[in-house]
Amino acid sequence: MKSTIEVSDALMARTRQFAKANGLTMKATIELSLRKLLEAEPVATKPFKLRKASVGGSGLTDWAKGRSMNELIASSYEGRGE
């Protein structure tokens, strides 16, 4: 089966060097690499856990209460640029 993949230049250069040093074709080198990867033990991964990053406080200030999100965003950029 023919497939097209994108590989970084550095990885492809290392693969070519490996193939040449071991008297292998690129096809054989890539197939060998894939077989070894697929036959290897599965990599144990822990599920992602978001760390607690909350801050203290009592919510919005009186100034911010009742304002729209667009007003709050616009006020955060006041005095910058233009």
PDB file of N, CA and C in Angstrom:
ATOM      1  N   MET A   1       0.838  -1.166   0.000  1.00  0.00           N
ATOM      2  CA  MET A   1       0.000   0.000   0.000  1.00  0.00           C
ATOM      3  C   MET A   1       0.888   1.236   0.000  1.00  0.00           C
ATOM      4  N   LYS A   2       0.552   2.196  -0.814  1.00  0.00           N
ATOM      5  CA  LYS A   2       1.314   3.437  -0.852  1.00  0.00           C
ATOM      6  C   LYS A   2       0.600   4.468   0.006  1.00  0.00           C
ATOM      7  N   SER A   3       1.393   5.199   0.785  1.00  0.00           N
ATOM      8  CA  SER A   3       0.855   6.265   1.615  1.00  0.00           C
ATOM      9  C   SER A   3       1.810   7.442   1.586  1.00  0.00           C
ATOM     10  N   THR A   4       1.273   8.603   1.758  1.00  0.00           N
ATOM     11  CA  THR A   4       2.089   9.809   1.842  1.00  0.00           C
ATOM     12  C   THR A   4       1.967  10.359   3.248  1.00  0.00           C
ATOM     13  N   ILE A   5       3.112  10.638   3.871  1.00  0.00           N
ATOM     14  CA  ILE A   5       3.120  11.211   5.215  1.00  0.00           C
ATOM     15  C   ILE A   5       4.094  12.380   5.245  1.00  0.00           C
ATOM     16  N   GLU A   6       3.892  13.275   6.196  1.00  0.00           N
ATOM     17  CA  GLU A   6       4.829  14.373   6.392  1.00  0.00           C
ATOM     18  C   GLU A   6       5.690  14.053   7.602  1.00  0.00           C
ATOM     19  N   VAL A   7       7.005  14.148   7.410  1.00  0.00           N
ATOM     20  CA  VAL A   7       7.971  13.855   8.465  1.00  0.00           C
ATOM     21  C   VAL A   7       8.945  15.021   8.519  1.00  0.00           C
ATOM     22  N   SER A   8       9.358  15.392   9.708  1.00  0.00           N
ATOM     23  CA  SER A   8      10.303  16.501   9.822  1.00  0.00           C
ATOM     24  C   SER A   8      11.592  16.175   9.070  1.00  0.00           C
ATOM     25  N   ASP A   9      12.237  17.216   8.584  1.00  0.00           N
ATOM     26  CA  ASP A   9      13.482  17.040   7.835  1.00  0.00           C
ATOM     27  C   ASP A   9      14.542  16.349   8.688  1.00  0.00           C
ATOM     28  N   ALA A  10      14.630  16.745   9.959  1.00  0.00           N
ATOM     29  CA  ALA A  10      15.643  16.163  10.840  1.00  0.00           C
ATOM     30  C   ALA A  10      15.402  14.669  11.051  1.00  0.00           C
ATOM     31  N   LEU A  11      14.148  14.272  11.239  1.00  0.00           N
ATOM     32  CA  LEU A  11      13.844  12.855  11.441  1.00  0.00           C
ATOM     33  C   LEU A  11      14.102  12.053  10.174  1.00  0.00           C
ATOM     34  N   MET A  12      13.770  12.628   9.034  1.00  0.00           N
ATOM     35  CA  MET A  12      14.007  11.921   7.774  1.00  0.00           C
ATOM     36  C   MET A  12      15.506  11.754   7.538  1.00  0.00           C
ATOM     37  N   ALA A  13      16.294  12.770   7.859  1.00  0.00           N
ATOM     38  CA  ALA A  13      17.748  12.666   7.687  1.00  0.00           C
ATOM     39  C   ALA A  13      18.315  11.565   8.579  1.00  0.00           C
ATOM     40  N   ARG A  14      17.847  11.499   9.831  1.00  0.00           N
ATOM     41  CA  ARG A  14      18.319  10.441  10.745  1.00  0.00           C
ATOM     42  C   ARG A  14      17.899   9.063  10.243  1.00  0.00           C
ATOM     43  N   THR A  15      16.704   8.975   9.673  1.00  0.00           N
ATOM     44  CA  THR A  15      16.211   7.698   9.154  1.00  0.00           C
ATOM     45  C   THR A  15      17.063   7.246   7.967  1.00  0.00           C
ATOM     46  N   ARG A  16      17.385   8.181   7.092  1.00  0.00           N
ATOM     47  CA  ARG A  16      18.241   7.850   5.938  1.00  0.00           C
ATOM     48  C   ARG A  16      19.613   7.371   6.401  1.00  0.00           C
ATOM     49  N   GLN A  17      20.184   8.077   7.398  1.00  0.00           N
ATOM     50  CA  GLN A  17      21.492   7.680   7.933  1.00  0.00           C
ATOM     51  C   GLN A  17      21.430   6.275   8.523  1.00  0.00           C
ATOM     52  N   PHE A  18      20.375   5.997   9.280  1.00  0.00           N
ATOM     53  CA  PHE A  18      20.211   4.679   9.893  1.00  0.00           C
ATOM     54  C   PHE A  18      20.105   3.608   8.813  1.00  0.00           C
ATOM     55  N   ALA A  19      19.273   3.870   7.811  1.00  0.00           N
ATOM     56  CA  ALA A  19      19.068   2.896   6.735  1.00  0.00           C
ATOM     57  C   ALA A  19      20.388   2.608   6.020  1.00  0.00           C
ATOM     58  N   LYS A  20      21.122   3.664   5.695  1.00  0.00           N
ATOM     59  CA  LYS A  20      22.390   3.492   4.977  1.00  0.00           C
ATOM     60  C   LYS A  20      23.400   2.724   5.825  1.00  0.00           C
ATOM     61  N   ALA A  21      23.496   3.084   7.107  1.00  0.00           N
ATOM     62  CA  ALA A  21      24.468   2.442   8.004  1.00  0.00           C
ATOM     63  C   ALA A  21      24.152   0.961   8.210  1.00  0.00           C
ATOM     64  N   ASN A  22      22.874   0.591   8.071  1.00  0.00           N
ATOM     65  CA  ASN A  22      22.469  -0.789   8.319  1.00  0.00           C
ATOM     66  C   ASN A  22      22.144  -1.548   7.031  1.00  0.00           C
ATOM     67  N   GLY A  23      22.448  -0.945   5.896  1.00  0.00           N
ATOM     68  CA  GLY A  23      22.218  -1.624   4.619  1.00  0.00           C
ATOM     69  C   GLY A  23      20.754  -1.909   4.349  1.00  0.00           C
ATOM     70  N   LEU A  24      19.892  -1.006   4.762  1.00  0.00           N
ATOM     71  CA  LEU A  24      18.453  -1.190   4.577  1.00  0.00           C
ATOM     72  C   LEU A  24      17.901  -0.142   3.623  1.00  0.00           C
ATOM     73  N   THR A  25      16.786  -0.460   3.008  1.00  0.00           N
ATOM     74  CA  THR A  25      16.081   0.535   2.213  1.00  0.00           C
ATOM     75  C   THR A  25      15.258   1.398   3.168  1.00  0.00           C
ATOM     76  N   MET A  26      14.803   2.532   2.687  1.00  0.00           N
ATOM     77  CA  MET A  26      13.941   3.388   3.517  1.00  0.00           C
ATOM     78  C   MET A  26      12.655   2.641   3.858  1.00  0.00           C
ATOM     79  N   LYS A  27      12.103   1.941   2.890  1.00  0.00           N
ATOM     80  CA  LYS A  27      10.869   1.190   3.118  1.00  0.00           C
ATOM     81  C   LYS A  27      11.075   0.181   4.244  1.00  0.00           C
ATOM     82  N   ALA A  28      12.155  -0.587   4.168  1.00  0.00           N
ATOM     83  CA  ALA A  28      12.426  -1.604   5.190  1.00  0.00           C
ATOM     84  C   ALA A  28      12.639  -0.960   6.561  1.00  0.00           C
ATOM     85  N   THR A  29      13.331   0.164   6.584  1.00  0.00           N
ATOM     86  CA  THR A  29      13.595   0.852   7.848  1.00  0.00           C
ATOM     87  C   THR A  29      12.306   1.338   8.487  1.00  0.00           C
ATOM     88  N   ILE A  30      11.438   1.947   7.688  1.00  0.00           N
ATOM     89  CA  ILE A  30      10.169   2.459   8.222  1.00  0.00           C
ATOM     90  C   ILE A  30       9.269   1.311   8.656  1.00  0.00           C
ATOM     91  N   GLU A  31       9.194   0.239   7.859  1.00  0.00           N
ATOM     92  CA  GLU A  31       8.372  -0.916   8.247  1.00  0.00           C
ATOM     93  C   GLU A  31       8.891  -1.543   9.535  1.00  0.00           C
ATOM     94  N   LEU A  32      10.202  -1.691   9.651  1.00  0.00           N
ATOM     95  CA  LEU A  32      10.796  -2.253  10.864  1.00  0.00           C
ATOM     96  C   LEU A  32      10.459  -1.382  12.070  1.00  0.00           C
ATOM     97  N   SER A  33      10.576  -0.084  11.918  1.00  0.00           N
ATOM     98  CA  SER A  33      10.284   0.835  13.011  1.00  0.00           C
ATOM     99  C   SER A  33       8.828   0.739  13.444  1.00  0.00           C
ATOM    100  N   LEU A  34       7.927   0.693  12.471  1.00  0.00           N
ATOM    101  CA  LEU A  34       6.505   0.584  12.799  1.00  0.00           C
ATOM    102  C   LEU A  34       6.182  -0.738  13.488  1.00  0.00           C
ATOM    103  N   ARG A  35       6.774  -1.822  12.998  1.00  0.00           N
ATOM    104  CA  ARG A  35       6.534  -3.133  13.637  1.00  0.00           C
ATOM    105  C   ARG A  35       6.991  -3.127  15.089  1.00  0.00           C
ATOM    106  N   LYS A  36       8.202  -2.597  15.330  1.00  0.00           N
ATOM    107  CA  LYS A  36       8.724  -2.551  16.701  1.00  0.00           C
ATOM    108  C   LYS A  36       7.831  -1.700  17.595  1.00  0.00           C
ATOM    109  N   LEU A  37       7.359  -0.589  17.079  1.00  0.00           N
ATOM    110  CA  LEU A  37       6.478   0.276  17.861  1.00  0.00           C
ATOM    111  C   LEU A  37       5.173  -0.432  18.192  1.00  0.00           C
ATOM    112  N   LEU A  38       4.582  -1.090  17.216  1.00  0.00           N
ATOM    113  CA  LEU A  38       3.289  -1.739  17.429  1.00  0.00           C
ATOM    114  C   LEU A  38       3.381  -2.992  18.292  1.00  0.00           C
ATOM    115  N   GLU A  39       4.549  -3.630  18.315  1.00  0.00           N
ATOM    116  CA  GLU A  39       4.736  -4.825  19.135  1.00  0.00           C
ATOM    117  C   GLU A  39       5.149  -4.489  20.564  1.00  0.00           C
ATOM    118  N   ALA A  40       5.539  -3.264  20.804  1.00  0.00           N
ATOM    119  CA  ALA A  40       6.014  -2.851  22.129  1.00  0.00           C
ATOM    120  C   ALA A  40       4.859  -2.812  23.123  1.00  0.00           C
ATOM    121  N   GLU A  41       5.222  -2.828  24.385  1.00  0.00           N
ATOM    122  CA  GLU A  41       4.214  -2.701  25.436  1.00  0.00           C
ATOM    123  C   GLU A  41       3.527  -1.343  25.292  1.00  0.00           C
ATOM    124  N   PRO A  42       2.232  -1.306  25.541  1.00  0.00           N
ATOM    125  CA  PRO A  42       1.529  -0.021  25.456  1.00  0.00           C
ATOM    126  C   PRO A  42       2.102   0.963  26.475  1.00  0.00           C
ATOM    127  N   VAL A  43       2.147   2.199  26.081  1.00  0.00           N
ATOM    128  CA  VAL A  43       2.645   3.238  26.969  1.00  0.00           C
ATOM    129  C   VAL A  43       1.547   3.580  27.964  1.00  0.00           C
ATOM    130  N   ALA A  44       1.870   3.446  29.234  1.00  0.00           N
ATOM    131  CA  ALA A  44       0.883   3.766  30.271  1.00  0.00           C
ATOM    132  C   ALA A  44       0.789   5.281  30.406  1.00  0.00           C
ATOM    133  N   THR A  45      -0.397   5.792  30.236  1.00  0.00           N
ATOM    134  CA  THR A  45      -0.590   7.228  30.389  1.00  0.00           C
ATOM    135  C   THR A  45      -1.616   7.480  31.480  1.00  0.00           C
ATOM    136  N   LYS A  46      -1.354   8.505  32.248  1.00  0.00           N
ATOM    137  CA  LYS A  46      -2.308   8.900  33.277  1.00  0.00           C
ATOM    138  C   LYS A  46      -3.317   9.845  32.642  1.00  0.00           C
ATOM    139  N   PRO A  47      -4.546   9.768  33.069  1.00  0.00           N
ATOM    140  CA  PRO A  47      -5.516  10.717  32.531  1.00  0.00           C
ATOM    141  C   PRO A  47      -5.135  12.140  32.950  1.00  0.00           C
ATOM    142  N   PHE A  48      -5.419  13.091  32.086  1.00  0.00           N
ATOM    143  CA  PHE A  48      -5.097  14.481  32.367  1.00  0.00           C
ATOM    144  C   PHE A  48      -5.925  14.976  33.549  1.00  0.00           C
ATOM    145  N   LYS A  49      -5.264  15.668  34.468  1.00  0.00           N
ATOM    146  CA  LYS A  49      -5.964  16.230  35.605  1.00  0.00           C
ATOM    147  C   LYS A  49      -5.586  17.699  35.707  1.00  0.00           C
ATOM    148  N   LEU A  50      -6.574  18.554  35.587  1.00  0.00           N
ATOM    149  CA  LEU A  50      -6.350  19.986  35.666  1.00  0.00           C
ATOM    150  C   LEU A  50      -6.079  20.363  37.110  1.00  0.00           C
ATOM    151  N   ARG A  51      -4.961  21.057  37.327  1.00  0.00           N
ATOM    152  CA  ARG A  51      -4.638  21.446  38.693  1.00  0.00           C
ATOM    153  C   ARG A  51      -5.532  22.594  39.125  1.00  0.00           C
ATOM    154  N   LYS A  52      -5.735  22.694  40.425  1.00  0.00           N
ATOM    155  CA  LYS A  52      -6.558  23.761  40.966  1.00  0.00           C
ATOM    156  C   LYS A  52      -5.805  25.078  40.812  1.00  0.00           C
ATOM    157  N   ALA A  53      -6.419  26.036  40.162  1.00  0.00           N
ATOM    158  CA  ALA A  53      -5.760  27.316  39.931  1.00  0.00           C
ATOM    159  C   ALA A  53      -6.667  28.485  40.304  1.00  0.00           C
ATOM    160  N   SER A  54      -7.598  28.232  41.177  1.00  0.00           N
ATOM    161  CA  SER A  54      -8.510  29.303  41.568  1.00  0.00           C
ATOM    162  C   SER A  54      -7.795  30.282  42.497  1.00  0.00           C
ATOM    163  N   VAL A  55      -8.336  31.463  42.585  1.00  0.00           N
ATOM    164  CA  VAL A  55      -7.775  32.490  43.454  1.00  0.00           C
ATOM    165  C   VAL A  55      -8.834  32.937  44.444  1.00  0.00           C
ATOM    166  N   GLY A  56      -8.374  33.489  45.521  1.00  0.00           N
ATOM    167  CA  GLY A  56      -9.322  33.982  46.512  1.00  0.00           C
ATOM    168  C   GLY A  56     -10.031  35.227  46.017  1.00  0.00           C
ATOM    169  N   GLY A  57     -11.036  35.633  46.711  1.00  0.00           N
ATOM    170  CA  GLY A  57     -11.752  36.842  46.344  1.00  0.00           C
ATOM    171  C   GLY A  57     -13.244  36.634  46.467  1.00  0.00           C
ATOM    172  N   SER A  58     -13.948  37.691  46.186  1.00  0.00           N
ATOM    173  CA  SER A  58     -15.401  37.610  46.342  1.00  0.00           C
ATOM    174  C   SER A  58     -16.119  37.903  45.035  1.00  0.00           C
ATOM    175  N   GLY A  59     -15.490  37.625  43.928  1.00  0.00           N
ATOM    176  CA  GLY A  59     -16.140  37.803  42.640  1.00  0.00           C
ATOM    177  C   GLY A  59     -15.887  39.165  42.042  1.00  0.00           C
ATOM    178  N   LEU A  60     -16.804  39.601  41.214  1.00  0.00           N
ATOM    179  CA  LEU A  60     -16.644  40.873  40.518  1.00  0.00           C
ATOM    180  C   LEU A  60     -16.722  42.054  41.484  1.00  0.00           C
ATOM    181  N   THR A  61     -16.004  43.111  41.134  1.00  0.00           N
ATOM    182  CA  THR A  61     -16.100  44.337  41.928  1.00  0.00           C
ATOM    183  C   THR A  61     -17.417  45.021  41.607  1.00  0.00           C
ATOM    184  N   ASP A  62     -17.791  45.975  42.453  1.00  0.00           N
ATOM    185  CA  ASP A  62     -19.043  46.703  42.205  1.00  0.00           C
ATOM    186  C   ASP A  62     -19.008  47.387  40.843  1.00  0.00           C
ATOM    187  N   TRP A  63     -17.819  47.887  40.439  1.00  0.00           N
ATOM    188  CA  TRP A  63     -17.685  48.546  39.148  1.00  0.00           C
ATOM    189  C   TRP A  63     -18.034  47.592  38.010  1.00  0.00           C
ATOM    190  N   ALA A  64     -17.625  46.331  38.108  1.00  0.00           N
ATOM    191  CA  ALA A  64     -17.803  45.371  37.014  1.00  0.00           C
ATOM    192  C   ALA A  64     -19.188  44.746  36.999  1.00  0.00           C
ATOM    193  N   LYS A  65     -19.857  44.737  38.117  1.00  0.00           N
ATOM    194  CA  LYS A  65     -21.185  44.100  38.169  1.00  0.00           C
ATOM    195  C   LYS A  65     -22.147  44.830  37.245  1.00  0.00           C
ATOM    196  N   GLY A  66     -22.883  44.073  36.492  1.00  0.00           N
ATOM    197  CA  GLY A  66     -23.884  44.649  35.607  1.00  0.00           C
ATOM    198  C   GLY A  66     -23.344  45.079  34.256  1.00  0.00           C
ATOM    199  N   ARG A  67     -22.030  44.996  34.039  1.00  0.00           N
ATOM    200  CA  ARG A  67     -21.461  45.364  32.740  1.00  0.00           C
ATOM    201  C   ARG A  67     -21.428  44.121  31.838  1.00  0.00           C
ATOM    202  N   SER A  68     -21.501  44.355  30.541  1.00  0.00           N
ATOM    203  CA  SER A  68     -21.466  43.237  29.593  1.00  0.00           C
ATOM    204  C   SER A  68     -20.028  42.733  29.455  1.00  0.00           C
ATOM    205  N   MET A  69     -19.889  41.531  28.929  1.00  0.00           N
ATOM    206  CA  MET A  69     -18.557  40.962  28.710  1.00  0.00           C
ATOM    207  C   MET A  69     -17.762  41.843  27.750  1.00  0.00           C
ATOM    208  N   ASN A  70     -18.425  42.380  26.720  1.00  0.00           N
ATOM    209  CA  ASN A  70     -17.731  43.250  25.760  1.00  0.00           C
ATOM    210  C   ASN A  70     -17.199  44.507  26.453  1.00  0.00           C
ATOM    211  N   GLU A  71     -17.973  45.074  27.379  1.00  0.00           N
ATOM    212  CA  GLU A  71     -17.503  46.253  28.114  1.00  0.00           C
ATOM    213  C   GLU A  71     -16.295  45.909  28.981  1.00  0.00           C
ATOM    214  N   LEU A  72     -16.338  44.749  29.629  1.00  0.00           N
ATOM    215  CA  LEU A  72     -15.223  44.343  30.481  1.00  0.00           C
ATOM    216  C   LEU A  72     -13.951  44.124  29.658  1.00  0.00           C
ATOM    217  N   ILE A  73     -14.109  43.484  28.500  1.00  0.00           N
ATOM    218  CA  ILE A  73     -12.950  43.258  27.637  1.00  0.00           C
ATOM    219  C   ILE A  73     -12.396  44.571  27.119  1.00  0.00           C
ATOM    220  N   ALA A  74     -13.288  45.457  26.653  1.00  0.00           N
ATOM    221  CA  ALA A  74     -12.839  46.742  26.133  1.00  0.00           C
ATOM    222  C   ALA A  74     -12.106  47.538  27.204  1.00  0.00           C
ATOM    223  N   SER A  75     -12.594  47.488  28.441  1.00  0.00           N
ATOM    224  CA  SER A  75     -11.949  48.258  29.513  1.00  0.00           C
ATOM    225  C   SER A  75     -10.554  47.713  29.840  1.00  0.00           C
ATOM    226  N   SER A  76     -10.342  46.428  29.600  1.00  0.00           N
ATOM    227  CA  SER A  76      -9.018  45.854  29.880  1.00  0.00           C
ATOM    228  C   SER A  76      -7.967  46.340  28.888  1.00  0.00           C
ATOM    229  N   TYR A  77      -8.415  46.874  27.734  1.00  0.00           N
ATOM    230  CA  TYR A  77      -7.486  47.372  26.735  1.00  0.00           C
ATOM    231  C   TYR A  77      -7.377  48.897  26.736  1.00  0.00           C
ATOM    232  N   GLU A  78      -8.096  49.578  27.618  1.00  0.00           N
ATOM    233  CA  GLU A  78      -8.030  51.044  27.657  1.00  0.00           C
ATOM    234  C   GLU A  78      -6.606  51.504  27.910  1.00  0.00           C
ATOM    235  N   GLY A  79      -6.171  52.503  27.145  1.00  0.00           N
ATOM    236  CA  GLY A  79      -4.853  53.074  27.321  1.00  0.00           C
ATOM    237  C   GLY A  79      -3.740  52.310  26.622  1.00  0.00           C
ATOM    238  N   ARG A  80      -4.089  51.263  25.890  1.00  0.00           N
ATOM    239  CA  ARG A  80      -3.087  50.486  25.163  1.00  0.00           C
ATOM    240  C   ARG A  80      -3.281  50.710  23.668  1.00  0.00           C
ATOM    241  N   GLY A  81      -2.211  50.923  22.960  1.00  0.00           N
ATOM    242  CA  GLY A  81      -2.298  51.100  21.516  1.00  0.00           C
ATOM    243  C   GLY A  81      -2.884  52.444  21.157  1.00  0.00           C
ATOM    244  N   GLU A  82      -3.435  52.519  19.994  1.00  0.00           N
ATOM    245  CA  GLU A  82      -4.031  53.733  19.440  1.00  0.00           C
ATOM    246  C   GLU A  82      -3.559  54.949  20.129  1.00  0.00           C
TER     247      GLU A  82
END
